Amino acid sequence: GPVDVAWDEHVSHSGVCPLVSLGEQVNRELTFTLAGWPHSGSIGPSKMAKAGFFYWPKLEEEDDTAICVQCGLALDGWEPNDD
């Protein structure tokens, strides 16, 4: 039979899952705005969400970990002049 794709199966069986909803830019952007993303300007919530990231802060103060919804790449230590 056809090959199952894990992400497609997740979406089809659990469309209300928050991780599935992170596939939509508006929902990714909300993770930045609601959780207090510490940056603005060129690395503000809209630009970060458009690049495929969602905000997943650790419990550390001033944490700015952003994670790619597709590949899981986690980046932090963003500087004000980053783009």
N, C-alpha and C. Protein backbone atom coordinates (compact mmCIF):
# COMPACT_ATOMS: atom_id res chain seq x y z
N GLY A 1 0.81 -1.18 0.00
CA GLY A 1 0.00 0.00 0.00
C GLY A 1 0.86 1.25 0.00
N PRO A 2 0.20 2.37 0.08
CA PRO A 2 0.91 3.64 0.09
C PRO A 2 1.76 3.80 1.36
N VAL A 3 2.78 4.60 1.25
CA VAL A 3 3.67 4.86 2.38
C VAL A 3 3.05 5.93 3.26
N ASP A 4 2.97 5.68 4.57
CA ASP A 4 2.47 6.68 5.49
C ASP A 4 3.56 7.70 5.78
N VAL A 5 3.19 8.97 5.80
CA VAL A 5 4.10 10.05 6.14
C VAL A 5 3.69 10.53 7.53
N ALA A 6 4.61 10.48 8.47
CA ALA A 6 4.29 10.77 9.88
C ALA A 6 3.59 12.11 10.06
N TRP A 7 4.13 13.16 9.43
CA TRP A 7 3.51 14.48 9.60
C TRP A 7 2.10 14.49 9.05
N ASP A 8 1.89 13.91 7.88
CA ASP A 8 0.56 13.86 7.28
C ASP A 8 -0.42 13.08 8.16
N GLU A 9 0.05 12.00 8.73
CA GLU A 9 -0.80 11.21 9.63
C GLU A 9 -1.16 12.01 10.87
N HIS A 10 -0.19 12.73 11.42
CA HIS A 10 -0.44 13.57 12.59
C HIS A 10 -1.51 14.61 12.28
N VAL A 11 -1.37 15.28 11.15
CA VAL A 11 -2.32 16.32 10.76
C VAL A 11 -3.71 15.73 10.55
N SER A 12 -3.79 14.60 9.87
CA SER A 12 -5.11 14.04 9.56
C SER A 12 -5.83 13.48 10.78
N HIS A 13 -5.09 13.04 11.78
CA HIS A 13 -5.71 12.43 12.95
C HIS A 13 -5.80 13.35 14.16
N SER A 14 -5.07 14.47 14.14
CA SER A 14 -5.07 15.34 15.31
C SER A 14 -4.90 16.80 14.90
N GLY A 15 -5.83 17.27 14.12
CA GLY A 15 -5.77 18.64 13.63
C GLY A 15 -5.84 19.70 14.72
N VAL A 16 -6.27 19.33 15.92
CA VAL A 16 -6.34 20.30 17.02
C VAL A 16 -5.05 20.35 17.83
N CYS A 17 -4.09 19.52 17.50
CA CYS A 17 -2.81 19.51 18.21
C CYS A 17 -2.11 20.86 18.02
N PRO A 18 -1.59 21.46 19.10
CA PRO A 18 -0.89 22.74 18.95
C PRO A 18 0.30 22.66 18.00
N LEU A 19 1.00 21.55 17.98
CA LEU A 19 2.14 21.43 17.08
C LEU A 19 1.69 21.45 15.63
N VAL A 20 0.57 20.79 15.34
CA VAL A 20 0.04 20.81 13.97
C VAL A 20 -0.33 22.24 13.58
N SER A 21 -0.92 22.98 14.50
CA SER A 21 -1.33 24.35 14.18
C SER A 21 -0.13 25.27 13.97
N LEU A 22 1.06 24.86 14.41
CA LEU A 22 2.24 25.68 14.20
C LEU A 22 2.66 25.71 12.74
N GLY A 23 2.02 24.87 11.92
CA GLY A 23 2.27 24.91 10.49
C GLY A 23 1.74 26.19 9.85
N GLU A 24 0.87 26.90 10.56
CA GLU A 24 0.31 28.15 10.05
C GLU A 24 1.07 29.32 10.66
N GLN A 25 1.49 30.24 9.81
CA GLN A 25 2.30 31.37 10.26
C GLN A 25 1.66 32.15 11.39
N VAL A 26 0.37 32.40 11.31
CA VAL A 26 -0.30 33.20 12.33
C VAL A 26 -0.18 32.54 13.70
N ASN A 27 -0.26 31.22 13.75
CA ASN A 27 -0.14 30.52 15.03
C ASN A 27 1.29 30.52 15.55
N ARG A 28 2.26 30.41 14.64
CA ARG A 28 3.65 30.51 15.06
C ARG A 28 3.93 31.90 15.63
N GLU A 29 3.39 32.92 14.97
CA GLU A 29 3.60 34.29 15.43
C GLU A 29 3.03 34.49 16.83
N LEU A 30 1.91 33.87 17.11
CA LEU A 30 1.32 33.97 18.45
C LEU A 30 2.25 33.43 19.53
N THR A 31 3.05 32.42 19.21
CA THR A 31 3.96 31.88 20.23
C THR A 31 4.97 32.95 20.65
N PHE A 32 5.33 33.82 19.73
CA PHE A 32 6.27 34.90 20.05
C PHE A 32 5.58 36.01 20.85
N THR A 33 4.41 36.43 20.38
CA THR A 33 3.75 37.57 21.02
C THR A 33 3.18 37.21 22.39
N LEU A 34 2.62 36.03 22.54
CA LEU A 34 2.01 35.65 23.81
C LEU A 34 3.03 35.29 24.88
N ALA A 35 4.18 34.79 24.48
CA ALA A 35 5.17 34.35 25.46
C ALA A 35 6.24 35.39 25.75
N GLY A 36 6.12 36.58 25.17
CA GLY A 36 7.04 37.65 25.49
C GLY A 36 8.39 37.59 24.80
N TRP A 37 8.39 37.33 23.50
CA TRP A 37 9.62 37.33 22.71
C TRP A 37 10.38 38.62 23.00
N PRO A 38 11.65 38.52 23.39
CA PRO A 38 12.38 39.71 23.85
C PRO A 38 12.95 40.60 22.75
N HIS A 39 12.62 40.35 21.49
CA HIS A 39 13.19 41.12 20.38
C HIS A 39 12.10 41.77 19.54
N SER A 40 12.50 42.78 18.77
CA SER A 40 11.58 43.43 17.84
C SER A 40 12.38 43.78 16.59
N GLY A 41 11.82 44.63 15.76
CA GLY A 41 12.51 45.06 14.56
C GLY A 41 12.73 43.93 13.57
N SER A 42 13.98 43.80 13.12
CA SER A 42 14.27 42.83 12.06
C SER A 42 14.10 41.38 12.50
N ILE A 43 14.06 41.13 13.79
CA ILE A 43 13.82 39.77 14.28
C ILE A 43 12.58 39.73 15.17
N GLY A 44 11.59 40.52 14.79
CA GLY A 44 10.32 40.54 15.51
C GLY A 44 9.50 39.30 15.23
N PRO A 45 8.40 39.13 15.96
CA PRO A 45 7.57 37.94 15.83
C PRO A 45 7.12 37.60 14.42
N SER A 46 6.71 38.60 13.65
CA SER A 46 6.22 38.32 12.31
C SER A 46 7.31 37.74 11.41
N LYS A 47 8.49 38.35 11.46
CA LYS A 47 9.58 37.88 10.60
C LYS A 47 10.04 36.49 11.02
N MET A 48 10.11 36.24 12.33
CA MET A 48 10.54 34.94 12.81
C MET A 48 9.54 33.86 12.41
N ALA A 49 8.25 34.15 12.56
CA ALA A 49 7.21 33.19 12.18
C ALA A 49 7.22 32.93 10.69
N LYS A 50 7.44 33.98 9.90
CA LYS A 50 7.48 33.82 8.45
C LYS A 50 8.64 32.92 8.03
N ALA A 51 9.73 32.96 8.81
CA ALA A 51 10.90 32.12 8.53
C ALA A 51 10.70 30.67 8.99
N GLY A 52 9.53 30.37 9.58
CA GLY A 52 9.21 29.00 9.97
C GLY A 52 9.46 28.68 11.43
N PHE A 53 9.84 29.69 12.22
CA PHE A 53 10.14 29.44 13.63
C PHE A 53 8.93 29.64 14.53
N PHE A 54 8.96 28.96 15.68
CA PHE A 54 8.06 29.27 16.77
C PHE A 54 8.92 29.48 18.00
N TYR A 55 8.39 30.20 18.98
CA TYR A 55 9.14 30.55 20.18
C TYR A 55 8.88 29.51 21.25
N TRP A 56 9.96 28.95 21.78
CA TRP A 56 9.86 27.92 22.81
C TRP A 56 10.87 28.25 23.91
N PRO A 57 10.54 29.25 24.75
CA PRO A 57 11.51 29.66 25.75
C PRO A 57 11.71 28.60 26.83
N LYS A 58 12.94 28.49 27.27
CA LYS A 58 13.25 27.64 28.40
C LYS A 58 12.90 28.43 29.65
N LEU A 59 13.16 27.89 30.79
CA LEU A 59 12.83 28.60 32.02
C LEU A 59 13.85 29.66 32.39
N GLU A 60 14.92 29.77 31.60
CA GLU A 60 15.95 30.76 31.87
C GLU A 60 15.45 32.15 31.51
N GLU A 61 15.83 33.13 32.30
CA GLU A 61 15.45 34.51 32.01
C GLU A 61 16.10 34.96 30.71
N GLU A 62 15.36 35.73 29.93
CA GLU A 62 15.86 36.28 28.68
C GLU A 62 16.16 35.23 27.62
N ASP A 63 15.60 34.05 27.74
CA ASP A 63 15.85 33.02 26.73
C ASP A 63 15.13 33.38 25.44
N ASP A 64 15.81 33.18 24.32
CA ASP A 64 15.20 33.51 23.03
C ASP A 64 15.34 32.34 22.05
N THR A 65 15.05 31.15 22.53
CA THR A 65 15.13 29.97 21.68
C THR A 65 13.97 29.95 20.69
N ALA A 66 14.30 29.88 19.42
CA ALA A 66 13.31 29.76 18.35
C ALA A 66 13.58 28.43 17.65
N ILE A 67 12.51 27.70 17.38
CA ILE A 67 12.64 26.35 16.81
C ILE A 67 11.89 26.28 15.49
N CYS A 68 12.51 25.62 14.50
CA CYS A 68 11.85 25.41 13.22
C CYS A 68 10.78 24.33 13.38
N VAL A 69 9.59 24.61 12.93
CA VAL A 69 8.48 23.68 13.06
C VAL A 69 8.69 22.42 12.23
N GLN A 70 9.45 22.52 11.16
CA GLN A 70 9.60 21.37 10.27
C GLN A 70 10.80 20.49 10.63
N CYS A 71 11.99 21.10 10.75
CA CYS A 71 13.20 20.28 10.95
C CYS A 71 13.67 20.21 12.40
N GLY A 72 13.11 21.06 13.28
CA GLY A 72 13.49 21.01 14.69
C GLY A 72 14.74 21.80 15.03
N LEU A 73 15.32 22.52 14.08
CA LEU A 73 16.48 23.35 14.35
C LEU A 73 16.14 24.35 15.44
N ALA A 74 16.94 24.40 16.50
CA ALA A 74 16.73 25.34 17.60
C ALA A 74 17.88 26.34 17.63
N LEU A 75 17.55 27.62 17.58
CA LEU A 75 18.55 28.68 17.61
C LEU A 75 18.25 29.65 18.73
N ASP A 76 19.30 30.17 19.35
CA ASP A 76 19.13 31.18 20.38
C ASP A 76 20.29 32.17 20.30
N GLY A 77 20.31 33.12 21.22
CA GLY A 77 21.36 34.12 21.20
C GLY A 77 21.22 35.13 20.09
N TRP A 78 19.99 35.48 19.76
CA TRP A 78 19.73 36.44 18.69
C TRP A 78 20.25 37.82 19.09
N GLU A 79 20.87 38.50 18.14
CA GLU A 79 21.39 39.85 18.35
C GLU A 79 20.48 40.85 17.67
N PRO A 80 20.43 42.10 18.19
CA PRO A 80 19.54 43.12 17.61
C PRO A 80 19.73 43.35 16.11
N ASN A 81 20.94 43.16 15.59
CA ASN A 81 21.17 43.41 14.16
C ASN A 81 21.00 42.15 13.31
N ASP A 82 20.58 41.04 13.88
CA ASP A 82 20.33 39.82 13.10
C ASP A 82 19.13 40.03 12.19
N ASP A 83 19.14 39.30 11.09
CA ASP A 83 18.03 39.38 10.14
C ASP A 83 17.63 37.98 9.74
